[in-house]
């Protein structure tokens, strides 16, 4: 089996900004829905999954907001964009209900945590390959021998499979060390601090040398003095920034044990006929034409 998990918010934002600001007669934004479904069809064509799950953020605060009051506090507060995105999420949920494709969304958790949990449970099924389509590099921490990402590093169409080797090539560290990196450098998008004064290059060197955030701090207690690369300014920055670094690691860590049960048997990829019927109802004739051409090659 091959399970494709869509990071819904990431894909929707990508579609929303890639297309003109199309709206229906009621003034509702529609481009994101069209773009989302276009990306989905292309991904099914390219990867040929047997099963499909869609995951969206829930609009409620998450456990991370309770952990750190400043979490994501600096996100752009554009009311129109926010209203557009949430209205399109509701529309997409209706579309996927018609397609009998489950949409996962849980109060108190981010989509990342739901994705991590689905991936963890799916891996327990022998022979299951998991591919996550996303634009969020935080999800690199989930990559392992059974889980890969499908993402773009250039624009919206240049998609590539990201496995462990690709993570190492891009970041210089292993997937499991992404949270240690985030602990040190923080994240300006999610607004958590990391260790003040430790930049990307320094963080990678420390992780390559010591392995984890915890082992870096263990090395500080070496007597009579710490290793050369932890002396002086770096040493003091690490000591002064331990609490914010430790908090940042907890914020960066994707939960893979969210309390729900994933049933892959309910996640079969819909048939070409079913997809065509739903697209016809939506009036997306150009997407239907794409399916009509491709269906001759049995892509679905």
Protein backbone atom coordinates (compact mmCIF):
# COMPACT_ATOMS: atom_id res chain seq x y z
CA UNK A 1 0.00 0.00 0.00
CA UNK A 2 1.04 3.57 -0.63
CA UNK A 3 -0.59 6.21 1.58
CA UNK A 4 -0.53 9.83 0.46
CA UNK A 5 -1.11 12.37 3.24
CA UNK A 6 -1.83 15.94 2.19
CA UNK A 7 -0.77 18.73 4.52
CA UNK A 8 -3.96 20.61 3.69
CA UNK A 9 -3.09 24.09 4.93
CA UNK A 10 0.30 24.03 3.25
CA UNK A 11 -1.09 22.87 -0.09
CA UNK A 12 -4.01 25.30 0.09
CA UNK A 13 -1.79 28.31 0.82
CA UNK A 14 0.44 27.30 -2.08
CA UNK A 15 -2.57 27.10 -4.42
CA UNK A 16 -4.10 30.33 -3.07
CA UNK A 17 -1.03 32.44 -3.84
CA UNK A 18 -0.19 30.74 -7.13
CA UNK A 19 -3.44 31.60 -8.91
CA UNK A 20 -5.33 34.85 -9.63
CA UNK A 21 -7.86 36.02 -7.04
CA UNK A 22 -10.83 34.18 -8.53
CA UNK A 23 -14.16 34.69 -6.74
CA UNK A 24 -17.70 33.55 -7.33
CA UNK A 25 -20.75 35.79 -7.57
CA UNK A 26 -21.02 35.83 -3.78
CA UNK A 27 -17.48 37.15 -3.46
CA UNK A 28 -16.09 33.91 -2.07
CA UNK A 29 -12.52 33.00 -3.02
CA UNK A 30 -12.39 29.93 -5.27
CA UNK A 31 -8.87 29.80 -6.71
CA UNK A 32 -7.45 27.90 -3.77
CA UNK A 33 -10.01 25.11 -4.10
CA UNK A 34 -9.33 24.73 -7.82
CA UNK A 35 -5.56 24.85 -7.28
CA UNK A 36 -5.72 22.39 -4.40
CA UNK A 37 -7.61 19.83 -6.50
CA UNK A 38 -5.27 20.42 -9.44
CA UNK A 39 -2.24 19.71 -7.23
CA UNK A 40 -3.97 16.62 -5.85
CA UNK A 41 -4.71 15.22 -9.30
CA UNK A 42 -1.13 15.84 -10.43
CA UNK A 43 0.23 14.15 -7.30
CA UNK A 44 -2.00 11.11 -7.78
CA UNK A 45 -0.83 10.95 -11.38
CA UNK A 46 2.85 11.16 -10.38
CA UNK A 47 2.88 8.96 -7.29
CA UNK A 48 -0.03 6.57 -7.87
CA UNK A 49 -1.04 6.14 -4.22
CA UNK A 50 -3.53 3.47 -3.20
CA UNK A 51 -4.80 5.44 -0.20
CA UNK A 52 -5.34 9.11 0.57
CA UNK A 53 -5.85 11.23 3.71
CA UNK A 54 -6.32 15.00 3.97
CA UNK A 55 -5.26 16.89 7.11
CA UNK A 56 -6.09 20.48 8.06
CA UNK A 57 -5.23 22.65 11.04
CA UNK A 58 -8.06 23.23 13.51
CA UNK A 59 -8.90 26.90 14.14
CA UNK A 60 -8.73 26.48 17.91
CA UNK A 61 -5.58 27.20 19.98
CA UNK A 62 -3.23 24.24 20.30
CA UNK A 63 -1.23 22.83 23.19
CA UNK A 64 1.73 24.83 21.90
CA UNK A 65 -0.14 28.09 22.49
CA UNK A 66 -0.62 26.98 26.09
CA UNK A 67 3.05 26.03 26.34
CA UNK A 68 4.30 29.38 25.03
CA UNK A 69 2.08 32.45 24.83
CA UNK A 70 4.14 33.94 22.00
CA UNK A 71 3.79 30.90 19.73
CA UNK A 72 2.93 32.05 16.18
CA UNK A 73 2.14 35.50 17.59
CA UNK A 74 3.92 37.25 14.72
CA UNK A 75 1.94 35.57 11.94
CA UNK A 76 0.50 37.95 9.41
CA UNK A 77 -2.91 39.13 10.57
CA UNK A 78 -4.61 39.64 7.23
CA UNK A 79 -8.30 39.27 7.93
CA UNK A 80 -9.30 38.77 4.28
CA UNK A 81 -6.71 36.05 3.68
CA UNK A 82 -7.69 34.30 6.90
CA UNK A 83 -11.37 34.38 5.99
CA UNK A 84 -10.59 33.16 2.48
CA UNK A 85 -8.50 30.23 3.72
CA UNK A 86 -11.02 29.04 6.29
CA UNK A 87 -13.92 29.34 3.83
CA UNK A 88 -11.99 27.29 1.28
CA UNK A 89 -11.13 24.67 3.89
CA UNK A 90 -14.85 24.24 4.57
CA UNK A 91 -15.52 23.97 0.84
CA UNK A 92 -12.78 21.37 0.42
CA UNK A 93 -14.15 19.36 3.33
CA UNK A 94 -17.47 19.21 1.48
CA UNK A 95 -15.71 18.13 -1.72
CA UNK A 96 -13.83 15.34 0.02
CA UNK A 97 -16.98 14.18 1.75
CA UNK A 98 -18.48 13.69 -1.73
CA UNK A 99 -15.34 11.80 -2.73
CA UNK A 100 -15.51 9.64 0.42
CA UNK A 101 -11.98 10.74 1.33
CA UNK A 102 -11.54 11.35 5.07
CA UNK A 103 -10.47 14.77 6.32
CA UNK A 104 -8.65 14.87 9.65
CA UNK A 105 -8.80 17.90 11.94
CA UNK A 106 -8.62 17.81 15.74
CA UNK A 107 -9.09 20.55 18.31
CA UNK A 108 -5.94 21.37 20.28
CA UNK A 109 -3.50 19.98 17.70
CA UNK A 110 -1.84 21.21 14.54
CA UNK A 111 -2.05 19.41 11.23
CA UNK A 112 1.61 18.43 11.71
CA UNK A 113 0.70 16.38 14.78
CA UNK A 114 -2.16 14.63 13.02
CA UNK A 115 0.12 13.88 10.06
CA UNK A 116 2.81 12.53 12.39
CA UNK A 117 0.30 10.30 14.15
CA UNK A 118 -1.24 8.97 10.94
CA UNK A 119 2.23 8.25 9.57
CA UNK A 120 3.24 6.44 12.75
CA UNK A 121 0.12 4.27 12.80
CA UNK A 122 0.29 3.54 9.07
CA UNK A 123 3.88 2.33 9.33
CA UNK A 124 2.74 -0.46 11.60
CA UNK A 125 0.93 -1.98 8.64
CA UNK A 126 3.43 -4.22 6.90
CA UNK A 127 4.44 -3.02 3.46
CA UNK A 128 2.90 0.44 3.78
CA UNK A 129 4.77 3.36 2.24
CA UNK A 130 3.85 6.86 3.45
CA UNK A 131 4.35 10.01 1.37
CA UNK A 132 3.48 13.44 2.76
CA UNK A 133 2.86 16.29 0.34
CA UNK A 134 3.78 19.55 2.04
CA UNK A 135 5.78 22.75 1.76
CA UNK A 136 6.66 22.74 5.45
CA UNK A 137 10.27 21.79 6.15
CA UNK A 138 9.44 21.12 9.80
CA UNK A 139 7.96 17.84 8.57
CA UNK A 140 11.44 16.68 7.57
CA UNK A 141 11.74 15.36 11.12
CA UNK A 142 9.19 12.64 10.20
CA UNK A 143 11.27 11.23 7.34
CA UNK A 144 12.54 7.68 7.78
CA UNK A 145 12.84 4.47 5.75
CA UNK A 146 9.03 4.24 5.44
CA UNK A 147 8.07 7.93 5.30
CA UNK A 148 9.11 10.46 2.65
CA UNK A 149 8.00 13.98 1.80
CA UNK A 150 6.91 15.25 -1.59
CA UNK A 151 7.72 18.94 -1.74
CA UNK A 152 9.05 21.78 -3.84
CA UNK A 153 12.22 23.77 -3.30
CA UNK A 154 11.69 25.94 -6.39
CA UNK A 155 8.28 27.37 -7.18
CA UNK A 156 5.11 25.30 -7.09
CA UNK A 157 5.63 22.72 -9.83
CA UNK A 158 9.14 21.42 -9.23
CA UNK A 159 8.15 18.68 -6.81
CA UNK A 160 10.63 16.10 -5.56
CA UNK A 161 10.72 13.18 -3.16
CA UNK A 162 12.58 14.04 0.02
CA UNK A 163 14.06 11.01 1.77
CA UNK A 164 16.68 10.81 4.51
CA UNK A 165 19.53 11.35 2.08
CA UNK A 166 17.82 14.43 0.67
CA UNK A 167 17.36 15.89 4.16
CA UNK A 168 21.04 15.30 4.89
CA UNK A 169 21.96 16.91 1.57
CA UNK A 170 19.78 19.98 2.18
CA UNK A 171 20.41 20.56 5.89
CA UNK A 172 23.61 18.72 6.69
CA UNK A 173 21.88 16.79 9.48
CA UNK A 174 19.66 13.72 9.87
CA UNK A 175 15.85 13.94 9.92
CA UNK A 176 15.82 13.01 13.62
CA UNK A 177 18.09 16.02 14.32
CA UNK A 178 15.74 18.62 12.79
CA UNK A 179 14.22 19.29 16.22
CA UNK A 180 17.70 19.77 17.71
CA UNK A 181 18.42 22.30 14.98
CA UNK A 182 15.16 24.11 15.72
CA UNK A 183 15.99 24.08 19.43
CA UNK A 184 19.17 26.02 18.70
CA UNK A 185 18.10 28.43 15.95
CA UNK A 186 14.41 28.82 16.77
CA UNK A 187 11.79 29.61 14.14
CA UNK A 188 10.81 33.11 13.07
CA UNK A 189 7.62 31.90 11.39
CA UNK A 190 6.31 30.17 14.49
CA UNK A 191 7.95 32.80 16.72
CA UNK A 192 9.95 30.75 19.14
CA UNK A 193 13.44 31.89 20.11
CA UNK A 194 15.92 29.01 20.09
CA UNK A 195 19.22 29.85 21.77
CA UNK A 196 19.91 33.56 21.24
CA UNK A 197 23.17 34.12 19.38
CA UNK A 198 23.37 30.64 17.83
CA UNK A 199 22.90 30.82 14.07
CA UNK A 200 22.27 28.22 11.41
CA UNK A 201 25.92 27.45 10.60
CA UNK A 202 26.92 27.21 14.24
CA UNK A 203 23.92 25.04 15.07
CA UNK A 204 24.71 22.56 12.30
CA UNK A 205 28.34 22.30 13.40
CA UNK A 206 27.30 21.64 17.00
CA UNK A 207 24.77 18.99 15.97
CA UNK A 208 27.25 17.30 13.64
CA UNK A 209 29.76 17.22 16.50
CA UNK A 210 27.52 16.17 19.40
CA UNK A 211 24.40 14.68 17.86
CA UNK A 212 21.60 16.17 19.93
CA UNK A 213 20.63 19.28 21.87
CA UNK A 214 20.97 17.34 25.12
CA UNK A 215 24.45 16.02 24.33
CA UNK A 216 25.63 19.53 23.48
CA UNK A 217 24.72 20.60 26.98
CA UNK A 218 26.23 17.49 28.51
CA UNK A 219 29.54 18.51 26.95
CA UNK A 220 29.44 21.83 28.80
CA UNK A 221 30.01 20.02 32.08
CA UNK A 222 33.24 18.36 30.92
CA UNK A 223 36.13 19.21 33.24
CA UNK A 224 38.55 20.86 33.54
CA UNK A 225 37.14 22.80 30.56
CA UNK A 226 34.74 22.23 27.67
CA UNK A 227 35.96 21.33 24.18
CA UNK A 228 37.53 24.11 22.15
CA UNK A 229 34.46 24.73 20.01
CA UNK A 230 32.34 25.29 23.12
CA UNK A 231 34.65 27.78 24.82
CA UNK A 232 34.21 31.50 25.05
CA UNK A 233 31.19 33.17 23.46
CA UNK A 234 29.47 30.00 22.26
CA UNK A 235 29.76 28.48 25.72
CA UNK A 236 28.13 31.47 27.43
CA UNK A 237 25.40 31.75 24.80
CA UNK A 238 24.49 28.12 25.29
CA UNK A 239 24.41 28.47 29.06
CA UNK A 240 22.35 31.66 28.99
CA UNK A 241 19.96 30.31 26.38
CA UNK A 242 19.29 26.83 27.73
CA UNK A 243 15.72 27.45 28.90
CA UNK A 244 14.61 29.06 25.64
CA UNK A 245 16.37 26.32 23.66
CA UNK A 246 14.74 23.55 25.67
CA UNK A 247 11.33 25.19 25.22
CA UNK A 248 11.98 25.58 21.50
CA UNK A 249 12.75 21.89 21.13
CA UNK A 250 9.46 20.97 22.77
CA UNK A 251 7.61 23.40 20.50
CA UNK A 252 9.35 22.05 17.39
CA UNK A 253 8.70 18.39 18.15
CA UNK A 254 5.78 16.96 16.19
CA UNK A 255 3.54 14.76 18.33
CA UNK A 256 3.10 11.31 16.83
CA UNK A 257 0.74 9.97 19.50
CA UNK A 258 -2.36 12.17 19.16
CA UNK A 259 -5.28 10.22 20.69
CA UNK A 260 -7.23 8.92 17.70
CA UNK A 261 -7.24 5.74 15.64
CA UNK A 262 -6.44 5.86 11.95
CA UNK A 263 -8.28 3.38 9.72
CA UNK A 264 -6.52 3.11 6.39
CA UNK A 265 -9.33 0.97 4.97
CA UNK A 266 -11.50 4.11 4.85
CA UNK A 267 -8.89 6.01 2.83
CA UNK A 268 -8.95 4.40 -0.61
CA UNK A 269 -8.19 6.72 -3.52
CA UNK A 270 -11.52 7.45 -5.28
CA UNK A 271 -12.13 6.11 -8.75
CA UNK A 272 -11.69 8.17 -11.88
CA UNK A 273 -15.47 8.07 -12.39
CA UNK A 274 -16.15 9.40 -8.90
CA UNK A 275 -13.61 12.21 -9.24
CA UNK A 276 -15.07 13.15 -12.63
CA UNK A 277 -18.60 13.32 -11.20
CA UNK A 278 -17.54 15.63 -8.38
CA UNK A 279 -15.49 17.89 -10.65
CA UNK A 280 -18.48 18.11 -13.01
CA UNK A 281 -20.64 19.30 -10.13
CA UNK A 282 -18.01 21.92 -9.31
CA UNK A 283 -17.80 23.07 -12.93
CA UNK A 284 -14.06 22.42 -13.20
CA UNK A 285 -14.13 21.40 -16.86
CA UNK A 286 -10.40 21.86 -17.44
CA UNK A 287 -9.61 19.37 -14.67
CA UNK A 288 -12.14 16.92 -16.13
CA UNK A 289 -10.42 17.15 -19.51
CA UNK A 290 -7.12 16.31 -17.83
CA UNK A 291 -8.64 13.17 -16.32
CA UNK A 292 -10.26 12.16 -19.62
CA UNK A 293 -6.89 12.29 -21.35
CA UNK A 294 -4.98 10.57 -18.60
CA UNK A 295 -7.56 7.90 -17.74
CA UNK A 296 -6.64 6.04 -20.92
CA UNK A 297 -3.37 5.20 -19.15
CA UNK A 298 -5.19 3.93 -16.04
CA UNK A 299 -3.68 6.56 -13.75
CA UNK A 300 -6.27 6.16 -10.99
